[in-house]
Amino acid sequence: MRNASARSRVKTAVKATLKSVEEKDSEKSRAVLLDTTKTIAKAAAKGIFHRNTAARKISRLAKKVNALG
């Protein structure tokens, strides 16, 4: 159950980041990305995600946010 709630938190954070990217608001996107990165990193530290999986998720989100300019 612990893993399920942590995975859910990560999914919710990722969705929030993607939503802010769709709105093309770079300031908000960067702020949300910071929170999402923390959430994903915590999950990886607890062993819920493999560290490479966490790095891949963070990288893909950062790429989308950086594309906004």
PDB file of N, CA and C in Angstrom:
ATOM      1  N   MET A   1       0.828  -1.209   0.000  1.00  0.00           N
ATOM      2  CA  MET A   1       0.000   0.000   0.000  1.00  0.00           C
ATOM      3  C   MET A   1       0.861   1.257   0.000  1.00  0.00           C
ATOM      4  N   ARG A   2       1.989   1.180   0.693  1.00  0.00           N
ATOM      5  CA  ARG A   2       2.855   2.352   0.747  1.00  0.00           C
ATOM      6  C   ARG A   2       3.323   2.733  -0.653  1.00  0.00           C
ATOM      7  N   ASN A   3       3.715   1.728  -1.427  1.00  0.00           N
ATOM      8  CA  ASN A   3       4.197   1.993  -2.778  1.00  0.00           C
ATOM      9  C   ASN A   3       3.106   2.583  -3.657  1.00  0.00           C
ATOM     10  N   ALA A   4       1.880   2.111  -3.484  1.00  0.00           N
ATOM     11  CA  ALA A   4       0.769   2.597  -4.308  1.00  0.00           C
ATOM     12  C   ALA A   4       0.532   4.081  -4.078  1.00  0.00           C
ATOM     13  N   SER A   5       0.591   4.520  -2.848  1.00  0.00           N
ATOM     14  CA  SER A   5       0.336   5.942  -2.576  1.00  0.00           C
ATOM     15  C   SER A   5       1.480   6.805  -3.103  1.00  0.00           C
ATOM     16  N   ALA A   6       2.694   6.317  -3.013  1.00  0.00           N
ATOM     17  CA  ALA A   6       3.838   7.078  -3.524  1.00  0.00           C
ATOM     18  C   ALA A   6       3.788   7.155  -5.048  1.00  0.00           C
ATOM     19  N   ARG A   7       3.451   6.050  -5.697  1.00  0.00           N
ATOM     20  CA  ARG A   7       3.326   6.049  -7.157  1.00  0.00           C
ATOM     21  C   ARG A   7       2.223   7.000  -7.593  1.00  0.00           C
ATOM     22  N   SER A   8       1.134   7.025  -6.839  1.00  0.00           N
ATOM     23  CA  SER A   8       0.021   7.912  -7.150  1.00  0.00           C
ATOM     24  C   SER A   8       0.444   9.373  -7.033  1.00  0.00           C
ATOM     25  N   ARG A   9       1.231   9.686  -5.997  1.00  0.00           N
ATOM     26  CA  ARG A   9       1.734  11.051  -5.821  1.00  0.00           C
ATOM     27  C   ARG A   9       2.588  11.475  -7.008  1.00  0.00           C
ATOM     28  N   VAL A  10       3.414  10.548  -7.493  1.00  0.00           N
ATOM     29  CA  VAL A  10       4.273  10.844  -8.645  1.00  0.00           C
ATOM     30  C   VAL A  10       3.425  11.087  -9.882  1.00  0.00           C
ATOM     31  N   LYS A  11       2.441  10.230 -10.118  1.00  0.00           N
ATOM     32  CA  LYS A  11       1.574  10.383 -11.290  1.00  0.00           C
ATOM     33  C   LYS A  11       0.849  11.723 -11.265  1.00  0.00           C
ATOM     34  N   THR A  12       0.342  12.098 -10.100  1.00  0.00           N
ATOM     35  CA  THR A  12      -0.374  13.365  -9.954  1.00  0.00           C
ATOM     36  C   THR A  12       0.558  14.541 -10.236  1.00  0.00           C
ATOM     37  N   ALA A  13       1.777  14.470  -9.724  1.00  0.00           N
ATOM     38  CA  ALA A  13       2.748  15.543  -9.938  1.00  0.00           C
ATOM     39  C   ALA A  13       3.110  15.658 -11.416  1.00  0.00           C
ATOM     40  N   VAL A  14       3.292  14.519 -12.082  1.00  0.00           N
ATOM     41  CA  VAL A  14       3.624  14.526 -13.510  1.00  0.00           C
ATOM     42  C   VAL A  14       2.485  15.139 -14.313  1.00  0.00           C
ATOM     43  N   LYS A  15       1.250  14.774 -13.973  1.00  0.00           N
ATOM     44  CA  LYS A  15       0.093  15.332 -14.671  1.00  0.00           C
ATOM     45  C   LYS A  15       0.028  16.843 -14.496  1.00  0.00           C
ATOM     46  N   ALA A  16       0.325  17.331 -13.286  1.00  0.00           N
ATOM     47  CA  ALA A  16       0.308  18.770 -13.026  1.00  0.00           C
ATOM     48  C   ALA A  16       1.354  19.483 -13.871  1.00  0.00           C
ATOM     49  N   THR A  17       2.525  18.874 -14.009  1.00  0.00           N
ATOM     50  CA  THR A  17       3.589  19.467 -14.825  1.00  0.00           C
ATOM     51  C   THR A  17       3.172  19.514 -16.289  1.00  0.00           C
ATOM     52  N   LEU A  18       2.639  18.424 -16.786  1.00  0.00           N
ATOM     53  CA  LEU A  18       2.223  18.374 -18.190  1.00  0.00           C
ATOM     54  C   LEU A  18       1.097  19.366 -18.469  1.00  0.00           C
ATOM     55  N   LYS A  19       0.213  19.545 -17.496  1.00  0.00           N
ATOM     56  CA  LYS A  19      -0.882  20.500 -17.668  1.00  0.00           C
ATOM     57  C   LYS A  19      -0.343  21.927 -17.763  1.00  0.00           C
ATOM     58  N   SER A  20       0.626  22.262 -16.923  1.00  0.00           N
ATOM     59  CA  SER A  20       1.194  23.609 -16.965  1.00  0.00           C
ATOM     60  C   SER A  20       1.980  23.825 -18.262  1.00  0.00           C
ATOM     61  N   VAL A  21       2.570  22.763 -18.812  1.00  0.00           N
ATOM     62  CA  VAL A  21       3.278  22.874 -20.095  1.00  0.00           C
ATOM     63  C   VAL A  21       2.272  23.129 -21.216  1.00  0.00           C
ATOM     64  N   GLU A  22       1.130  22.447 -21.164  1.00  0.00           N
ATOM     65  CA  GLU A  22       0.093  22.646 -22.174  1.00  0.00           C
ATOM     66  C   GLU A  22      -0.427  24.074 -22.161  1.00  0.00           C
ATOM     67  N   GLU A  23      -0.464  24.678 -20.974  1.00  0.00           N
ATOM     68  CA  GLU A  23      -0.933  26.062 -20.844  1.00  0.00           C
ATOM     69  C   GLU A  23       0.122  27.062 -21.314  1.00  0.00           C
ATOM     70  N   LYS A  24       1.324  26.563 -21.619  1.00  0.00           N
ATOM     71  CA  LYS A  24       2.436  27.372 -22.109  1.00  0.00           C
ATOM     72  C   LYS A  24       2.838  28.492 -21.142  1.00  0.00           C
ATOM     73  N   ASP A  25       2.760  28.196 -19.861  1.00  0.00           N
ATOM     74  CA  ASP A  25       3.160  29.154 -18.821  1.00  0.00           C
ATOM     75  C   ASP A  25       4.510  28.697 -18.274  1.00  0.00           C
ATOM     76  N   SER A  26       5.592  29.317 -18.762  1.00  0.00           N
ATOM     77  CA  SER A  26       6.921  28.815 -18.414  1.00  0.00           C
ATOM     78  C   SER A  26       7.272  29.030 -16.944  1.00  0.00           C
ATOM     79  N   GLU A  27       6.852  30.149 -16.359  1.00  0.00           N
ATOM     80  CA  GLU A  27       7.143  30.403 -14.939  1.00  0.00           C
ATOM     81  C   GLU A  27       6.490  29.341 -14.051  1.00  0.00           C
ATOM     82  N   LYS A  28       5.201  29.118 -14.287  1.00  0.00           N
ATOM     83  CA  LYS A  28       4.464  28.127 -13.494  1.00  0.00           C
ATOM     84  C   LYS A  28       5.035  26.723 -13.734  1.00  0.00           C
ATOM     85  N   SER A  29       5.366  26.446 -14.987  1.00  0.00           N
ATOM     86  CA  SER A  29       5.895  25.122 -15.335  1.00  0.00           C
ATOM     87  C   SER A  29       7.196  24.839 -14.592  1.00  0.00           C
ATOM     88  N   ARG A  30       8.061  25.834 -14.507  1.00  0.00           N
ATOM     89  CA  ARG A  30       9.339  25.639 -13.817  1.00  0.00           C
ATOM     90  C   ARG A  30       9.126  25.382 -12.327  1.00  0.00           C
ATOM     91  N   ALA A  31       8.184  26.111 -11.737  1.00  0.00           N
ATOM     92  CA  ALA A  31       7.892  25.919 -10.314  1.00  0.00           C
ATOM     93  C   ALA A  31       7.311  24.532 -10.054  1.00  0.00           C
ATOM     94  N   VAL A  32       6.386  24.129 -10.905  1.00  0.00           N
ATOM     95  CA  VAL A  32       5.763  22.813 -10.751  1.00  0.00           C
ATOM     96  C   VAL A  32       6.794  21.709 -11.010  1.00  0.00           C
ATOM     97  N   LEU A  33       7.692  21.939 -11.959  1.00  0.00           N
ATOM     98  CA  LEU A  33       8.727  20.946 -12.267  1.00  0.00           C
ATOM     99  C   LEU A  33       9.621  20.704 -11.055  1.00  0.00           C
ATOM    100  N   LEU A  34       9.952  21.750 -10.307  1.00  0.00           N
ATOM    101  CA  LEU A  34      10.779  21.592  -9.106  1.00  0.00           C
ATOM    102  C   LEU A  34      10.107  20.657  -8.100  1.00  0.00           C
ATOM    103  N   ASP A  35       8.812  20.888  -7.864  1.00  0.00           N
ATOM    104  CA  ASP A  35       8.071  20.038  -6.929  1.00  0.00           C
ATOM    105  C   ASP A  35       7.989  18.594  -7.435  1.00  0.00           C
ATOM    106  N   THR A  36       7.746  18.455  -8.732  1.00  0.00           N
ATOM    107  CA  THR A  36       7.644  17.125  -9.329  1.00  0.00           C
ATOM    108  C   THR A  36       8.976  16.389  -9.229  1.00  0.00           C
ATOM    109  N   THR A  37      10.066  17.103  -9.475  1.00  0.00           N
ATOM    110  CA  THR A  37      11.392  16.504  -9.390  1.00  0.00           C
ATOM    111  C   THR A  37      11.654  15.989  -7.984  1.00  0.00           C
ATOM    112  N   LYS A  38      11.281  16.783  -6.985  1.00  0.00           N
ATOM    113  CA  LYS A  38      11.448  16.356  -5.585  1.00  0.00           C
ATOM    114  C   LYS A  38      10.657  15.082  -5.308  1.00  0.00           C
ATOM    115  N   THR A  39       9.415  15.063  -5.773  1.00  0.00           N
ATOM    116  CA  THR A  39       8.535  13.917  -5.536  1.00  0.00           C
ATOM    117  C   THR A  39       9.105  12.650  -6.173  1.00  0.00           C
ATOM    118  N   ILE A  40       9.560  12.773  -7.421  1.00  0.00           N
ATOM    119  CA  ILE A  40      10.117  11.613  -8.129  1.00  0.00           C
ATOM    120  C   ILE A  40      11.408  11.152  -7.449  1.00  0.00           C
ATOM    121  N   ALA A  41      12.255  12.091  -7.053  1.00  0.00           N
ATOM    122  CA  ALA A  41      13.530  11.746  -6.416  1.00  0.00           C
ATOM    123  C   ALA A  41      13.306  11.038  -5.081  1.00  0.00           C
ATOM    124  N   LYS A  42      12.316  11.502  -4.322  1.00  0.00           N
ATOM    125  CA  LYS A  42      11.998  10.853  -3.048  1.00  0.00           C
ATOM    126  C   LYS A  42      11.542   9.416  -3.270  1.00  0.00           C
ATOM    127  N   ALA A  43      10.687   9.229  -4.291  1.00  0.00           N
ATOM    128  CA  ALA A  43      10.195   7.885  -4.593  1.00  0.00           C
ATOM    129  C   ALA A  43      11.353   6.972  -4.992  1.00  0.00           C
ATOM    130  N   ALA A  44      12.302   7.500  -5.752  1.00  0.00           N
ATOM    131  CA  ALA A  44      13.455   6.702  -6.170  1.00  0.00           C
ATOM    132  C   ALA A  44      14.339   6.368  -4.971  1.00  0.00           C
ATOM    133  N   ALA A  45      14.493   7.323  -4.069  1.00  0.00           N
ATOM    134  CA  ALA A  45      15.330   7.099  -2.882  1.00  0.00           C
ATOM    135  C   ALA A  45      14.739   6.008  -1.992  1.00  0.00           C
ATOM    136  N   LYS A  46      13.427   5.904  -1.979  1.00  0.00           N
ATOM    137  CA  LYS A  46      12.764   4.885  -1.168  1.00  0.00           C
ATOM    138  C   LYS A  46      12.681   3.538  -1.883  1.00  0.00           C
ATOM    139  N   GLY A  47      13.146   3.505  -3.137  1.00  0.00           N
ATOM    140  CA  GLY A  47      13.159   2.251  -3.873  1.00  0.00           C
ATOM    141  C   GLY A  47      11.864   1.936  -4.585  1.00  0.00           C
ATOM    142  N   ILE A  48      11.001   2.904  -4.714  1.00  0.00           N
ATOM    143  CA  ILE A  48       9.715   2.678  -5.379  1.00  0.00           C
ATOM    144  C   ILE A  48       9.910   2.658  -6.894  1.00  0.00           C
ATOM    145  N   PHE A  49      10.811   3.516  -7.382  1.00  0.00           N
ATOM    146  CA  PHE A  49      11.225   3.507  -8.784  1.00  0.00           C
ATOM    147  C   PHE A  49      12.721   3.248  -8.817  1.00  0.00           C
ATOM    148  N   HIS A  50      13.182   2.583  -9.859  1.00  0.00           N
ATOM    149  CA  HIS A  50      14.623   2.440 -10.076  1.00  0.00           C
ATOM    150  C   HIS A  50      15.185   3.833 -10.352  1.00  0.00           C
ATOM    151  N   ARG A  51      16.413   4.072  -9.963  1.00  0.00           N
ATOM    152  CA  ARG A  51      16.972   5.420 -10.108  1.00  0.00           C
ATOM    153  C   ARG A  51      17.054   5.863 -11.559  1.00  0.00           C
ATOM    154  N   ASN A  52      17.277   4.917 -12.479  1.00  0.00           N
ATOM    155  CA  ASN A  52      17.311   5.279 -13.900  1.00  0.00           C
ATOM    156  C   ASN A  52      15.926   5.653 -14.416  1.00  0.00           C
ATOM    157  N   THR A  53      14.903   4.987 -13.914  1.00  0.00           N
ATOM    158  CA  THR A  53      13.537   5.311 -14.289  1.00  0.00           C
ATOM    159  C   THR A  53      13.189   6.717 -13.812  1.00  0.00           C
ATOM    160  N   ALA A  54      13.585   7.033 -12.590  1.00  0.00           N
ATOM    161  CA  ALA A  54      13.339   8.360 -12.045  1.00  0.00           C
ATOM    162  C   ALA A  54      14.073   9.416 -12.864  1.00  0.00           C
ATOM    163  N   ALA A  55      15.323   9.146 -13.203  1.00  0.00           N
ATOM    164  CA  ALA A  55      16.116  10.085 -13.998  1.00  0.00           C
ATOM    165  C   ALA A  55      15.474  10.300 -15.364  1.00  0.00           C
ATOM    166  N   ARG A  56      14.972   9.241 -15.960  1.00  0.00           N
ATOM    167  CA  ARG A  56      14.325   9.336 -17.273  1.00  0.00           C
ATOM    168  C   ARG A  56      13.068  10.188 -17.204  1.00  0.00           C
ATOM    169  N   LYS A  57      12.246   9.965 -16.167  1.00  0.00           N
ATOM    170  CA  LYS A  57      11.015  10.752 -15.995  1.00  0.00           C
ATOM    171  C   LYS A  57      11.342  12.235 -15.826  1.00  0.00           C
ATOM    172  N   ILE A  58      12.308  12.531 -14.971  1.00  0.00           N
ATOM    173  CA  ILE A  58      12.692  13.915 -14.708  1.00  0.00           C
ATOM    174  C   ILE A  58      13.235  14.555 -15.983  1.00  0.00           C
ATOM    175  N   SER A  59      14.067  13.826 -16.700  1.00  0.00           N
ATOM    176  CA  SER A  59      14.673  14.342 -17.920  1.00  0.00           C
ATOM    177  C   SER A  59      13.624  14.684 -18.971  1.00  0.00           C
ATOM    178  N   ARG A  60      12.672  13.805 -19.152  1.00  0.00           N
ATOM    179  CA  ARG A  60      11.632  14.032 -20.166  1.00  0.00           C
ATOM    180  C   ARG A  60      10.761  15.230 -19.814  1.00  0.00           C
ATOM    181  N   LEU A  61      10.452  15.370 -18.524  1.00  0.00           N
ATOM    182  CA  LEU A  61       9.658  16.522 -18.107  1.00  0.00           C
ATOM    183  C   LEU A  61      10.452  17.820 -18.267  1.00  0.00           C
ATOM    184  N   ALA A  62      11.716  17.796 -17.881  1.00  0.00           N
ATOM    185  CA  ALA A  62      12.560  18.985 -17.989  1.00  0.00           C
ATOM    186  C   ALA A  62      12.699  19.409 -19.452  1.00  0.00           C
ATOM    187  N   LYS A  63      12.809  18.445 -20.321  1.00  0.00           N
ATOM    188  CA  LYS A  63      12.932  18.727 -21.756  1.00  0.00           C
ATOM    189  C   LYS A  63      11.694  19.485 -22.252  1.00  0.00           C
ATOM    190  N   LYS A  64      10.521  19.055 -21.808  1.00  0.00           N
ATOM    191  CA  LYS A  64       9.279  19.709 -22.229  1.00  0.00           C
ATOM    192  C   LYS A  64       9.178  21.121 -21.654  1.00  0.00           C
ATOM    193  N   VAL A  65       9.563  21.287 -20.393  1.00  0.00           N
ATOM    194  CA  VAL A  65       9.496  22.605 -19.756  1.00  0.00           C
ATOM    195  C   VAL A  65      10.496  23.550 -20.405  1.00  0.00           C
ATOM    196  N   ASN A  66      11.703  23.069 -20.684  1.00  0.00           N
ATOM    197  CA  ASN A  66      12.738  23.910 -21.293  1.00  0.00           C
ATOM    198  C   ASN A  66      12.380  24.325 -22.712  1.00  0.00           C
ATOM    199  N   ALA A  67      11.566  23.534 -23.384  1.00  0.00           N
ATOM    200  CA  ALA A  67      11.154  23.865 -24.747  1.00  0.00           C
ATOM    201  C   ALA A  67      10.263  25.101 -24.771  1.00  0.00           C
ATOM    202  N   LEU A  68       9.657  25.429 -23.626  1.00  0.00           N
ATOM    203  CA  LEU A  68       8.796  26.616 -23.561  1.00  0.00           C
ATOM    204  C   LEU A  68       9.615  27.899 -23.664  1.00  0.00           C
ATOM    205  N   GLY A  69      10.861  27.827 -23.237  1.00  0.00           N
ATOM    206  CA  GLY A  69      11.719  29.005 -23.339  1.00  0.00           C
ATOM    207  C   GLY A  69      11.942  29.724 -22.056  1.00  0.00           C
TER     208      GLY A  69
END
